[in-house]
Amino acid sequence: SLVRIKLTGNNRLSTNAHSLYRLLLLDIDGTVAKDYYSISPVVKKAILEINKKINVVLISGRSAKTVLVIAKELDLDKPQIVEGGARIVTPEGNNIWCRFIPYKLALQIIDFLNYNNVLFSVCASGSSILVENNNNLQGVNFKEISRISLLYLKETEVKRFEDLLKRVNGIYFVRVHNALKTNLWNIDITDRNANKRNAVLKLRRILNVKKSESIGV
């Protein structure tokens, strides 16, 4: 069964839309969650109701571990897009589609960040690991790093690192507001083919949903 929905001028859902949607893609930070985990009762109720009618999928730069906690709270049973589009995972956290940063390139990026004393995290096996020294990386599978994130950067620092990263082949990167300190920035680095756009294209094929049947918030 399907529901006709659209966003009206006052951002409320209307049942008088001309288009028939089958897939609702939701960002987390600043959209579903007003802070790191907190979801307002109104938003939660709306998502639970919509999910009874159409596919609802979270699409986030966050790790699978944190995304799936939120997906479970919202009773979402479809594949979720996590880690900046590097992975599409089942509700149990298993890979349906993934693009990891090439092994040697991941090591080079980590060495560069350590040399420049940059606080960063790596995402591997579904969890983000804050790297304060190389001891934090013990046990990490470097062949399955989906995302490396530079953390808590000021505007001037973001620009400097963006200029440096533009020279690196084989990666995709994007600046995002830090979820805990929104006056500061993170830079999320993934494989060159790993981004939210490519993940959505793949997900639509998995769910057999057309572009015209999809809406993103």
N, C-alpha and C. Protein backbone atom coordinates (compact mmCIF):
# COMPACT_ATOMS: atom_id res chain seq x y z
N SER A 1 0.84 -1.19 0.00
CA SER A 1 0.00 0.00 0.00
C SER A 1 0.88 1.24 0.00
N LEU A 2 0.40 2.31 -0.60
CA LEU A 2 1.17 3.53 -0.76
C LEU A 2 0.40 4.70 -0.19
N VAL A 3 1.11 5.79 0.06
CA VAL A 3 0.48 7.00 0.54
C VAL A 3 0.96 8.16 -0.33
N ARG A 4 0.06 9.07 -0.64
CA ARG A 4 0.43 10.25 -1.41
C ARG A 4 0.89 11.33 -0.42
N ILE A 5 2.14 11.79 -0.55
CA ILE A 5 2.64 12.81 0.36
C ILE A 5 3.42 13.86 -0.42
N LYS A 6 3.46 15.07 0.14
CA LYS A 6 4.33 16.10 -0.40
C LYS A 6 4.63 17.10 0.71
N LEU A 7 5.68 17.90 0.52
CA LEU A 7 5.97 18.97 1.45
C LEU A 7 5.28 20.22 0.95
N THR A 8 4.41 20.81 1.78
CA THR A 8 3.71 22.03 1.41
C THR A 8 4.54 23.23 1.82
N GLY A 9 4.03 24.42 1.56
CA GLY A 9 4.79 25.62 1.86
C GLY A 9 5.16 25.77 3.32
N ASN A 10 4.33 25.23 4.23
CA ASN A 10 4.63 25.35 5.65
C ASN A 10 5.33 24.10 6.19
N ASN A 11 5.87 23.29 5.26
CA ASN A 11 6.65 22.11 5.62
C ASN A 11 5.84 21.01 6.29
N ARG A 12 4.52 21.05 6.18
CA ARG A 12 3.71 19.96 6.70
C ARG A 12 3.41 18.96 5.60
N LEU A 13 3.23 17.72 6.02
CA LEU A 13 2.91 16.69 5.05
C LEU A 13 1.46 16.81 4.62
N SER A 14 1.22 16.74 3.33
CA SER A 14 -0.14 16.82 2.79
C SER A 14 -0.48 15.52 2.08
N THR A 15 -1.73 15.15 2.10
CA THR A 15 -2.17 13.93 1.42
C THR A 15 -2.78 14.25 0.06
N ASN A 16 -2.54 15.45 -0.46
CA ASN A 16 -3.13 15.86 -1.73
C ASN A 16 -2.09 16.03 -2.82
N ALA A 17 -1.01 15.29 -2.72
CA ALA A 17 0.07 15.43 -3.69
C ALA A 17 -0.33 14.82 -5.03
N HIS A 18 0.31 15.32 -6.10
CA HIS A 18 0.07 14.78 -7.43
C HIS A 18 0.99 13.60 -7.72
N SER A 19 2.09 13.48 -6.95
CA SER A 19 3.05 12.40 -7.18
C SER A 19 2.89 11.31 -6.14
N LEU A 20 3.20 10.10 -6.53
CA LEU A 20 3.09 8.95 -5.65
C LEU A 20 4.49 8.56 -5.20
N TYR A 21 4.79 8.74 -3.93
CA TYR A 21 6.11 8.43 -3.42
C TYR A 21 6.14 7.05 -2.78
N ARG A 22 7.26 6.36 -2.97
CA ARG A 22 7.45 5.03 -2.38
C ARG A 22 8.70 4.96 -1.50
N LEU A 23 9.50 6.04 -1.51
CA LEU A 23 10.74 6.04 -0.74
C LEU A 23 10.97 7.43 -0.15
N LEU A 24 11.15 7.47 1.18
CA LEU A 24 11.48 8.70 1.88
C LEU A 24 12.87 8.55 2.48
N LEU A 25 13.81 9.40 2.06
CA LEU A 25 15.20 9.38 2.53
C LEU A 25 15.39 10.52 3.52
N LEU A 26 15.86 10.20 4.73
CA LEU A 26 15.98 11.19 5.78
C LEU A 26 17.40 11.33 6.28
N ASP A 27 17.93 12.55 6.24
CA ASP A 27 19.18 12.84 6.93
C ASP A 27 18.90 12.79 8.43
N ILE A 28 19.94 12.64 9.24
CA ILE A 28 19.74 12.54 10.69
C ILE A 28 19.99 13.87 11.39
N ASP A 29 21.23 14.36 11.33
CA ASP A 29 21.59 15.54 12.11
C ASP A 29 20.87 16.79 11.60
N GLY A 30 20.10 17.41 12.50
CA GLY A 30 19.35 18.60 12.14
C GLY A 30 18.06 18.31 11.39
N THR A 31 17.78 17.05 11.13
CA THR A 31 16.56 16.68 10.41
C THR A 31 15.72 15.74 11.27
N VAL A 32 16.20 14.53 11.47
CA VAL A 32 15.51 13.59 12.35
C VAL A 32 15.86 13.88 13.81
N ALA A 33 17.13 14.08 14.08
CA ALA A 33 17.59 14.31 15.46
C ALA A 33 17.96 15.77 15.67
N LYS A 34 17.47 16.35 16.75
CA LYS A 34 17.78 17.75 17.04
C LYS A 34 19.10 17.89 17.78
N ASP A 35 19.55 16.82 18.42
CA ASP A 35 20.93 16.74 18.90
C ASP A 35 21.41 15.33 18.60
N TYR A 36 22.46 14.84 19.26
CA TYR A 36 23.09 13.63 18.75
C TYR A 36 22.16 12.43 18.67
N TYR A 37 21.28 12.25 19.64
CA TYR A 37 20.36 11.12 19.60
C TYR A 37 18.90 11.53 19.76
N SER A 38 18.62 12.70 20.27
CA SER A 38 17.27 13.08 20.68
C SER A 38 16.35 13.33 19.48
N ILE A 39 15.23 12.59 19.45
CA ILE A 39 14.22 12.75 18.42
C ILE A 39 12.93 13.22 19.09
N SER A 40 12.37 14.31 18.61
CA SER A 40 11.17 14.84 19.25
C SER A 40 9.99 13.89 19.05
N PRO A 41 9.04 13.87 19.98
CA PRO A 41 7.86 13.00 19.85
C PRO A 41 7.08 13.25 18.56
N VAL A 42 7.00 14.51 18.13
CA VAL A 42 6.26 14.83 16.91
C VAL A 42 6.92 14.20 15.68
N VAL A 43 8.25 14.34 15.59
CA VAL A 43 8.97 13.76 14.46
C VAL A 43 8.88 12.24 14.49
N LYS A 44 9.06 11.67 15.66
CA LYS A 44 9.00 10.21 15.78
C LYS A 44 7.63 9.69 15.35
N LYS A 45 6.57 10.32 15.81
CA LYS A 45 5.22 9.89 15.45
C LYS A 45 5.00 9.97 13.95
N ALA A 46 5.46 11.07 13.34
CA ALA A 46 5.29 11.24 11.90
C ALA A 46 6.00 10.15 11.11
N ILE A 47 7.26 9.86 11.50
CA ILE A 47 8.03 8.85 10.79
C ILE A 47 7.40 7.47 10.96
N LEU A 48 6.95 7.15 12.16
CA LEU A 48 6.30 5.85 12.40
C LEU A 48 5.06 5.69 11.52
N GLU A 49 4.30 6.77 11.35
CA GLU A 49 3.09 6.71 10.52
C GLU A 49 3.44 6.55 9.04
N ILE A 50 4.43 7.33 8.58
CA ILE A 50 4.83 7.26 7.17
C ILE A 50 5.40 5.88 6.85
N ASN A 51 6.16 5.33 7.80
CA ASN A 51 6.81 4.03 7.58
C ASN A 51 5.81 2.89 7.43
N LYS A 52 4.58 3.10 7.87
CA LYS A 52 3.55 2.08 7.68
C LYS A 52 3.12 2.00 6.22
N LYS A 53 3.40 3.07 5.46
CA LYS A 53 2.89 3.17 4.08
C LYS A 53 3.97 3.04 3.02
N ILE A 54 5.15 3.63 3.28
CA ILE A 54 6.21 3.62 2.27
C ILE A 54 7.55 3.28 2.91
N ASN A 55 8.56 3.05 2.07
CA ASN A 55 9.91 2.78 2.56
C ASN A 55 10.51 4.04 3.16
N VAL A 56 11.01 3.95 4.39
CA VAL A 56 11.71 5.07 5.02
C VAL A 56 13.14 4.62 5.32
N VAL A 57 14.10 5.41 4.85
CA VAL A 57 15.51 5.05 4.97
C VAL A 57 16.30 6.24 5.50
N LEU A 58 17.15 6.00 6.49
CA LEU A 58 18.06 7.02 6.98
C LEU A 58 19.30 7.05 6.09
N ILE A 59 19.80 8.25 5.83
CA ILE A 59 20.99 8.41 5.00
C ILE A 59 21.91 9.39 5.71
N SER A 60 23.06 8.86 6.20
CA SER A 60 23.85 9.64 7.14
C SER A 60 25.34 9.38 7.00
N GLY A 61 26.12 10.34 7.45
CA GLY A 61 27.56 10.15 7.55
C GLY A 61 27.95 9.37 8.79
N ARG A 62 27.01 9.17 9.68
CA ARG A 62 27.31 8.48 10.93
C ARG A 62 27.60 7.00 10.69
N SER A 63 28.22 6.38 11.70
CA SER A 63 28.54 4.96 11.60
C SER A 63 27.28 4.12 11.62
N ALA A 64 27.40 2.90 11.11
CA ALA A 64 26.26 1.98 11.11
C ALA A 64 25.74 1.75 12.52
N LYS A 65 26.65 1.66 13.49
CA LYS A 65 26.25 1.39 14.87
C LYS A 65 25.26 2.43 15.38
N THR A 66 25.54 3.72 15.17
CA THR A 66 24.66 4.76 15.67
C THR A 66 23.40 4.91 14.81
N VAL A 67 23.55 4.76 13.49
CA VAL A 67 22.38 4.86 12.61
C VAL A 67 21.37 3.76 12.94
N LEU A 68 21.84 2.56 13.19
CA LEU A 68 20.93 1.45 13.44
C LEU A 68 20.23 1.55 14.79
N VAL A 69 20.86 2.24 15.75
CA VAL A 69 20.17 2.53 17.01
C VAL A 69 18.94 3.40 16.75
N ILE A 70 19.12 4.43 15.93
CA ILE A 70 18.02 5.33 15.59
C ILE A 70 16.99 4.61 14.73
N ALA A 71 17.45 3.82 13.76
CA ALA A 71 16.52 3.07 12.91
C ALA A 71 15.64 2.13 13.74
N LYS A 72 16.23 1.50 14.74
CA LYS A 72 15.46 0.59 15.61
C LYS A 72 14.41 1.36 16.39
N GLU A 73 14.79 2.54 16.90
CA GLU A 73 13.83 3.36 17.66
C GLU A 73 12.65 3.76 16.79
N LEU A 74 12.91 3.96 15.50
CA LEU A 74 11.87 4.39 14.57
C LEU A 74 11.19 3.22 13.87
N ASP A 75 11.58 2.00 14.24
CA ASP A 75 10.96 0.79 13.71
C ASP A 75 11.17 0.67 12.20
N LEU A 76 12.35 1.08 11.71
CA LEU A 76 12.65 1.01 10.28
C LEU A 76 13.26 -0.35 9.96
N ASP A 77 12.69 -1.02 8.99
CA ASP A 77 13.13 -2.39 8.69
C ASP A 77 13.74 -2.54 7.30
N LYS A 78 14.03 -1.41 6.65
CA LYS A 78 14.64 -1.44 5.32
C LYS A 78 16.15 -1.21 5.42
N PRO A 79 16.91 -1.45 4.35
CA PRO A 79 18.35 -1.15 4.36
C PRO A 79 18.58 0.34 4.64
N GLN A 80 19.66 0.64 5.33
CA GLN A 80 19.99 2.01 5.69
C GLN A 80 21.32 2.41 5.06
N ILE A 81 21.42 3.69 4.66
CA ILE A 81 22.65 4.23 4.07
C ILE A 81 23.47 4.89 5.17
N VAL A 82 24.70 4.42 5.35
CA VAL A 82 25.51 4.88 6.49
C VAL A 82 26.90 5.28 6.02
N GLU A 83 27.61 5.97 6.94
CA GLU A 83 29.03 6.27 6.74
C GLU A 83 29.30 7.06 5.46
N GLY A 84 28.44 8.08 5.26
CA GLY A 84 28.62 8.98 4.13
C GLY A 84 28.31 8.37 2.78
N GLY A 85 27.57 7.27 2.79
CA GLY A 85 27.25 6.59 1.53
C GLY A 85 28.24 5.51 1.17
N ALA A 86 29.15 5.19 2.09
CA ALA A 86 30.13 4.13 1.82
C ALA A 86 29.53 2.74 1.96
N ARG A 87 28.43 2.63 2.71
CA ARG A 87 27.82 1.32 2.93
C ARG A 87 26.31 1.42 2.94
N ILE A 88 25.66 0.39 2.42
CA ILE A 88 24.23 0.16 2.63
C ILE A 88 24.14 -1.12 3.44
N VAL A 89 23.46 -1.04 4.59
CA VAL A 89 23.45 -2.18 5.50
C VAL A 89 22.03 -2.62 5.82
N THR A 90 21.90 -3.89 6.17
CA THR A 90 20.63 -4.42 6.65
C THR A 90 20.38 -3.90 8.07
N PRO A 91 19.14 -4.05 8.59
CA PRO A 91 18.88 -3.65 9.97
C PRO A 91 19.77 -4.36 10.98
N GLU A 92 20.34 -5.49 10.58
CA GLU A 92 21.25 -6.22 11.47
C GLU A 92 22.70 -5.75 11.32
N GLY A 93 22.96 -4.85 10.37
CA GLY A 93 24.30 -4.30 10.18
C GLY A 93 25.15 -5.01 9.15
N ASN A 94 24.57 -5.94 8.39
CA ASN A 94 25.32 -6.65 7.36
C ASN A 94 25.38 -5.84 6.07
N ASN A 95 26.49 -5.95 5.36
CA ASN A 95 26.68 -5.19 4.12
C ASN A 95 25.79 -5.71 3.00
N ILE A 96 25.09 -4.79 2.35
CA ILE A 96 24.43 -5.08 1.08
C ILE A 96 25.27 -4.51 -0.06
N TRP A 97 25.87 -3.37 0.21
CA TRP A 97 26.73 -2.69 -0.78
C TRP A 97 27.76 -1.89 0.02
N CYS A 98 29.02 -1.88 -0.43
CA CYS A 98 30.04 -1.12 0.31
C CYS A 98 31.18 -0.73 -0.62
N ARG A 99 31.81 0.38 -0.28
CA ARG A 99 33.00 0.86 -0.97
C ARG A 99 33.98 1.35 0.09
N PHE A 100 35.05 0.58 0.32
CA PHE A 100 36.03 0.94 1.33
C PHE A 100 37.16 1.77 0.72
N ILE A 101 37.80 2.59 1.56
CA ILE A 101 38.97 3.34 1.12
C ILE A 101 40.10 2.34 0.86
N PRO A 102 40.76 2.41 -0.30
CA PRO A 102 41.84 1.46 -0.58
C PRO A 102 42.86 1.41 0.56
N TYR A 103 43.30 0.22 0.86
CA TYR A 103 44.15 -0.06 2.03
C TYR A 103 45.35 0.87 2.13
N LYS A 104 46.18 0.93 1.08
CA LYS A 104 47.39 1.74 1.13
C LYS A 104 47.06 3.23 1.26
N LEU A 105 45.99 3.64 0.60
CA LEU A 105 45.59 5.04 0.67
C LEU A 105 45.12 5.39 2.08
N ALA A 106 44.38 4.51 2.72
CA ALA A 106 43.94 4.74 4.10
C ALA A 106 45.13 4.92 5.02
N LEU A 107 46.15 4.08 4.85
CA LEU A 107 47.35 4.19 5.69
C LEU A 107 48.07 5.52 5.45
N GLN A 108 48.15 5.95 4.19
CA GLN A 108 48.81 7.21 3.87
C GLN A 108 48.07 8.40 4.50
N ILE A 109 46.74 8.37 4.43
CA ILE A 109 45.94 9.46 5.00
C ILE A 109 46.12 9.50 6.52
N ILE A 110 46.09 8.34 7.16
CA ILE A 110 46.25 8.27 8.61
C ILE A 110 47.64 8.77 9.02
N ASP A 111 48.68 8.37 8.30
CA ASP A 111 50.04 8.86 8.59
C ASP A 111 50.12 10.37 8.45
N PHE A 112 49.48 10.91 7.41
CA PHE A 112 49.47 12.36 7.18
C PHE A 112 48.79 13.09 8.34
N LEU A 113 47.65 12.57 8.79
CA LEU A 113 46.92 13.22 9.88
C LEU A 113 47.68 13.14 11.19
N ASN A 114 48.31 12.00 11.44
CA ASN A 114 49.13 11.88 12.65
C ASN A 114 50.31 12.86 12.61
N TYR A 115 50.94 12.98 11.46
CA TYR A 115 52.08 13.88 11.31
C TYR A 115 51.67 15.34 11.58
N ASN A 116 50.44 15.69 11.19
CA ASN A 116 49.96 17.06 11.36
C ASN A 116 49.17 17.26 12.66
N ASN A 117 49.20 16.25 13.52
CA ASN A 117 48.54 16.34 14.83
C ASN A 117 47.06 16.72 14.72
N VAL A 118 46.38 16.10 13.77
CA VAL A 118 44.96 16.35 13.57
C VAL A 118 44.15 15.30 14.33
N LEU A 119 43.14 15.76 15.08
CA LEU A 119 42.24 14.83 15.73
C LEU A 119 41.32 14.24 14.67
N PHE A 120 41.21 12.92 14.62
CA PHE A 120 40.38 12.31 13.60
C PHE A 120 39.79 11.00 14.11
N SER A 121 38.84 10.48 13.36
CA SER A 121 38.26 9.18 13.67
C SER A 121 38.28 8.33 12.40
N VAL A 122 38.28 7.03 12.59
CA VAL A 122 38.14 6.11 11.47
C VAL A 122 36.90 5.27 11.73
N CYS A 123 36.22 4.92 10.67
CA CYS A 123 35.04 4.07 10.77
C CYS A 123 35.36 2.72 10.14
N ALA A 124 35.29 1.68 10.95
CA ALA A 124 35.56 0.33 10.47
C ALA A 124 34.69 -0.64 11.26
N SER A 125 34.19 -1.66 10.56
CA SER A 125 33.33 -2.67 11.19
C SER A 125 32.10 -2.04 11.84
N GLY A 126 31.63 -0.94 11.26
CA GLY A 126 30.38 -0.34 11.72
C GLY A 126 30.50 0.63 12.88
N SER A 127 31.71 0.86 13.39
CA SER A 127 31.90 1.75 14.54
C SER A 127 32.94 2.82 14.23
N SER A 128 32.72 4.01 14.78
CA SER A 128 33.71 5.09 14.66
C SER A 128 34.66 5.03 15.84
N ILE A 129 35.95 5.15 15.57
CA ILE A 129 36.98 5.08 16.60
C ILE A 129 37.74 6.39 16.61
N LEU A 130 37.70 7.09 17.74
CA LEU A 130 38.44 8.33 17.89
C LEU A 130 39.93 8.01 18.02
N VAL A 131 40.74 8.62 17.17
CA VAL A 131 42.17 8.32 17.16
C VAL A 131 42.94 9.45 17.83
N GLU A 132 43.35 9.21 19.05
CA GLU A 132 44.18 10.17 19.78
C GLU A 132 45.65 9.78 19.74
N ASN A 133 45.89 8.50 19.53
CA ASN A 133 47.24 8.00 19.28
C ASN A 133 47.09 6.65 18.57
N ASN A 134 48.18 6.13 18.05
CA ASN A 134 48.11 4.91 17.25
C ASN A 134 47.65 3.69 18.04
N ASN A 135 47.70 3.78 19.36
CA ASN A 135 47.21 2.65 20.16
C ASN A 135 45.72 2.42 19.95
N ASN A 136 45.00 3.50 19.63
CA ASN A 136 43.57 3.37 19.37
C ASN A 136 43.27 2.52 18.14
N LEU A 137 44.25 2.37 17.27
CA LEU A 137 44.03 1.69 16.00
C LEU A 137 44.34 0.20 16.07
N GLN A 138 44.75 -0.27 17.22
CA GLN A 138 45.04 -1.70 17.35
C GLN A 138 43.75 -2.50 17.16
N GLY A 139 43.82 -3.51 16.31
CA GLY A 139 42.66 -4.34 16.05
C GLY A 139 41.78 -3.84 14.92
N VAL A 140 42.08 -2.64 14.38
CA VAL A 140 41.29 -2.12 13.26
C VAL A 140 41.66 -2.84 11.97
N ASN A 141 40.66 -3.24 11.21
CA ASN A 141 40.89 -3.84 9.90
C ASN A 141 41.07 -2.73 8.88
N PHE A 142 42.32 -2.42 8.53
CA PHE A 142 42.60 -1.29 7.65
C PHE A 142 42.10 -1.53 6.22
N LYS A 143 41.77 -2.75 5.89
CA LYS A 143 41.24 -3.04 4.55
C LYS A 143 39.74 -2.79 4.47
N GLU A 144 39.11 -2.46 5.60
CA GLU A 144 37.67 -2.21 5.61
C GLU A 144 37.35 -0.91 6.33
N ILE A 145 38.14 0.12 6.03
CA ILE A 145 37.83 1.45 6.55
C ILE A 145 36.92 2.16 5.55
N SER A 146 35.75 2.50 6.01
CA SER A 146 34.76 3.12 5.11
C SER A 146 34.84 4.64 5.13
N ARG A 147 35.29 5.20 6.27
CA ARG A 147 35.32 6.66 6.39
C ARG A 147 36.41 7.09 7.35
N ILE A 148 37.13 8.15 6.98
CA ILE A 148 38.06 8.82 7.88
C ILE A 148 37.57 10.25 8.04
N SER A 149 37.43 10.71 9.29
CA SER A 149 36.86 12.04 9.53
C SER A 149 37.83 12.91 10.31
N LEU A 150 38.18 14.06 9.73
CA LEU A 150 38.92 15.09 10.46
C LEU A 150 37.91 15.81 11.34
N LEU A 151 38.25 16.05 12.61
CA LEU A 151 37.26 16.51 13.58
C LEU A 151 37.57 17.89 14.15
N TYR A 152 36.51 18.61 14.49
CA TYR A 152 36.58 19.87 15.23
C TYR A 152 37.49 20.89 14.57
N LEU A 153 37.26 21.13 13.30
CA LEU A 153 38.10 22.07 12.55
C LEU A 153 37.47 23.46 12.51
N LYS A 154 38.31 24.48 12.61
CA LYS A 154 37.86 25.84 12.39
C LYS A 154 37.76 26.09 10.88
N GLU A 155 37.09 27.17 10.51
CA GLU A 155 36.87 27.47 9.09
C GLU A 155 38.19 27.56 8.33
N THR A 156 39.19 28.22 8.91
CA THR A 156 40.48 28.35 8.21
C THR A 156 41.16 26.99 8.05
N GLU A 157 41.02 26.13 9.03
CA GLU A 157 41.61 24.80 8.96
C GLU A 157 40.92 23.95 7.90
N VAL A 158 39.60 24.07 7.81
CA VAL A 158 38.85 23.32 6.80
C VAL A 158 39.34 23.66 5.41
N LYS A 159 39.49 24.95 5.13
CA LYS A 159 39.93 25.38 3.80
C LYS A 159 41.32 24.84 3.49
N ARG A 160 42.21 24.87 4.46
CA ARG A 160 43.59 24.38 4.23
C ARG A 160 43.59 22.89 3.91
N PHE A 161 42.84 22.11 4.67
CA PHE A 161 42.84 20.67 4.44
C PHE A 161 42.08 20.31 3.16
N GLU A 162 41.04 21.07 2.83
CA GLU A 162 40.35 20.82 1.56
C GLU A 162 41.30 21.02 0.38
N ASP A 163 42.11 22.07 0.43
CA ASP A 163 43.07 22.31 -0.64
C ASP A 163 44.07 21.17 -0.76
N LEU A 164 44.48 20.60 0.37
CA LEU A 164 45.41 19.48 0.34
C LEU A 164 44.74 18.21 -0.17
N LEU A 165 43.51 17.96 0.25
CA LEU A 165 42.82 16.73 -0.14
C LEU A 165 42.45 16.71 -1.62
N LYS A 166 42.30 17.89 -2.22
CA LYS A 166 41.99 17.95 -3.65
C LYS A 166 43.11 17.32 -4.49
N ARG A 167 44.30 17.23 -3.93
CA ARG A 167 45.45 16.68 -4.66
C ARG A 167 45.53 15.16 -4.54
N VAL A 168 44.66 14.57 -3.71
CA VAL A 168 44.72 13.13 -3.45
C VAL A 168 43.76 12.40 -4.37
N ASN A 169 44.29 11.50 -5.19
CA ASN A 169 43.45 10.71 -6.07
C ASN A 169 42.83 9.54 -5.31
N GLY A 170 41.62 9.18 -5.70
CA GLY A 170 41.00 7.99 -5.15
C GLY A 170 40.08 8.22 -3.97
N ILE A 171 39.85 9.50 -3.61
CA ILE A 171 38.96 9.77 -2.48
C ILE A 171 37.86 10.75 -2.86
N TYR A 172 36.83 10.74 -2.05
CA TYR A 172 35.76 11.74 -2.09
C TYR A 172 35.71 12.35 -0.70
N PHE A 173 35.53 13.66 -0.60
CA PHE A 173 35.44 14.25 0.73
C PHE A 173 34.40 15.37 0.75
N VAL A 174 33.84 15.61 1.93
CA VAL A 174 32.82 16.64 2.09
C VAL A 174 32.93 17.22 3.49
N ARG A 175 32.73 18.53 3.61
CA ARG A 175 32.72 19.15 4.94
C ARG A 175 31.31 19.08 5.52
N VAL A 176 31.23 18.81 6.82
CA VAL A 176 29.94 18.74 7.52
C VAL A 176 30.09 19.41 8.87
N HIS A 177 29.01 20.00 9.36
CA HIS A 177 29.05 20.56 10.70
C HIS A 177 29.24 19.45 11.72
N ASN A 178 30.08 19.70 12.69
CA ASN A 178 30.25 18.74 13.77
C ASN A 178 28.93 18.63 14.54
N ALA A 179 28.47 17.40 14.79
CA ALA A 179 27.16 17.19 15.41
C ALA A 179 27.10 17.68 16.84
N LEU A 180 28.24 17.72 17.52
CA LEU A 180 28.26 18.13 18.93
C LEU A 180 28.61 19.60 19.10
N LYS A 181 29.48 20.12 18.22
CA LYS A 181 29.86 21.53 18.27
C LYS A 181 29.62 22.11 16.88
N THR A 182 28.42 22.65 16.68
CA THR A 182 28.00 23.04 15.33
C THR A 182 28.71 24.29 14.81
N ASN A 183 29.52 24.95 15.64
CA ASN A 183 30.32 26.07 15.14
C ASN A 183 31.64 25.59 14.55
N LEU A 184 31.90 24.28 14.65
CA LEU A 184 33.10 23.69 14.10
C LEU A 184 32.74 22.69 13.00
N TRP A 185 33.76 22.26 12.25
CA TRP A 185 33.52 21.42 11.07
C TRP A 185 34.24 20.08 11.19
N ASN A 186 33.70 19.10 10.50
CA ASN A 186 34.40 17.86 10.21
C ASN A 186 34.62 17.79 8.70
N ILE A 187 35.58 17.01 8.28
CA ILE A 187 35.72 16.64 6.87
C ILE A 187 35.65 15.11 6.80
N ASP A 188 34.65 14.60 6.12
CA ASP A 188 34.48 13.16 5.96
C ASP A 188 35.12 12.71 4.66
N ILE A 189 36.03 11.75 4.74
CA ILE A 189 36.73 11.21 3.58
C ILE A 189 36.26 9.78 3.34
N THR A 190 35.88 9.49 2.11
CA THR A 190 35.48 8.14 1.72
C THR A 190 36.16 7.77 0.41
N ASP A 191 35.94 6.55 -0.03
CA ASP A 191 36.41 6.14 -1.35
C ASP A 191 35.79 7.04 -2.42
N ARG A 192 36.44 7.20 -3.53
CA ARG A 192 35.96 8.12 -4.57
C ARG A 192 34.58 7.76 -5.10
N ASN A 193 34.20 6.49 -5.00
CA ASN A 193 32.88 6.07 -5.48
C ASN A 193 31.85 5.96 -4.35
N ALA A 194 32.26 6.35 -3.14
CA ALA A 194 31.38 6.24 -1.99
C ALA A 194 30.85 7.62 -1.60
N ASN A 195 29.62 7.88 -1.93
CA ASN A 195 28.96 9.11 -1.52
C ASN A 195 27.45 8.86 -1.47
N LYS A 196 26.73 9.80 -0.92
CA LYS A 196 25.29 9.59 -0.73
C LYS A 196 24.55 9.43 -2.07
N ARG A 197 24.99 10.17 -3.08
CA ARG A 197 24.32 10.07 -4.39
C ARG A 197 24.42 8.65 -4.94
N ASN A 198 25.64 8.11 -4.98
CA ASN A 198 25.81 6.76 -5.52
C ASN A 198 25.07 5.72 -4.68
N ALA A 199 25.06 5.93 -3.36
CA ALA A 199 24.36 4.98 -2.49
C ALA A 199 22.86 5.02 -2.74
N VAL A 200 22.31 6.20 -2.98
CA VAL A 200 20.88 6.31 -3.27
C VAL A 200 20.54 5.62 -4.60
N LEU A 201 21.39 5.81 -5.61
CA LEU A 201 21.16 5.14 -6.89
C LEU A 201 21.13 3.63 -6.72
N LYS A 202 22.06 3.12 -5.91
CA LYS A 202 22.11 1.68 -5.66
C LYS A 202 20.89 1.23 -4.85
N LEU A 203 20.52 1.99 -3.84
CA LEU A 203 19.38 1.62 -3.00
C LEU A 203 18.08 1.58 -3.81
N ARG A 204 17.92 2.55 -4.70
CA ARG A 204 16.70 2.56 -5.52
C ARG A 204 16.61 1.30 -6.37
N ARG A 205 17.75 0.83 -6.87
CA ARG A 205 17.74 -0.42 -7.64
C ARG A 205 17.40 -1.60 -6.73
N ILE A 206 17.94 -1.59 -5.51
CA ILE A 206 17.66 -2.68 -4.57
C ILE A 206 16.17 -2.75 -4.25
N LEU A 207 15.56 -1.58 -4.03
CA LEU A 207 14.15 -1.51 -3.64
C LEU A 207 13.21 -1.41 -4.83
N ASN A 208 13.81 -1.32 -6.04
CA ASN A 208 13.00 -1.19 -7.26
C ASN A 208 12.10 0.03 -7.20
N VAL A 209 12.70 1.18 -6.89
CA VAL A 209 11.98 2.44 -6.76
C VAL A 209 12.56 3.44 -7.77
N LYS A 210 11.69 4.12 -8.48
CA LYS A 210 12.12 5.11 -9.47
C LYS A 210 12.51 6.43 -8.77
N LYS A 211 13.28 7.25 -9.49
CA LYS A 211 13.65 8.56 -8.97
C LYS A 211 12.41 9.40 -8.69
N SER A 212 11.43 9.33 -9.58
CA SER A 212 10.21 10.12 -9.43
C SER A 212 9.36 9.67 -8.25
N GLU A 213 9.68 8.48 -7.70
CA GLU A 213 8.94 7.96 -6.56
C GLU A 213 9.69 8.18 -5.24
N SER A 214 10.78 8.96 -5.30
CA SER A 214 11.63 9.15 -4.13
C SER A 214 11.61 10.60 -3.69
N ILE A 215 11.72 10.81 -2.40
CA ILE A 215 11.81 12.16 -1.85
C ILE A 215 12.86 12.17 -0.75
N GLY A 216 13.67 13.23 -0.71
CA GLY A 216 14.72 13.33 0.30
C GLY A 216 14.54 14.56 1.17
N VAL A 217 14.84 14.42 2.46
CA VAL A 217 14.72 15.53 3.39
C VAL A 217 16.05 15.64 4.15
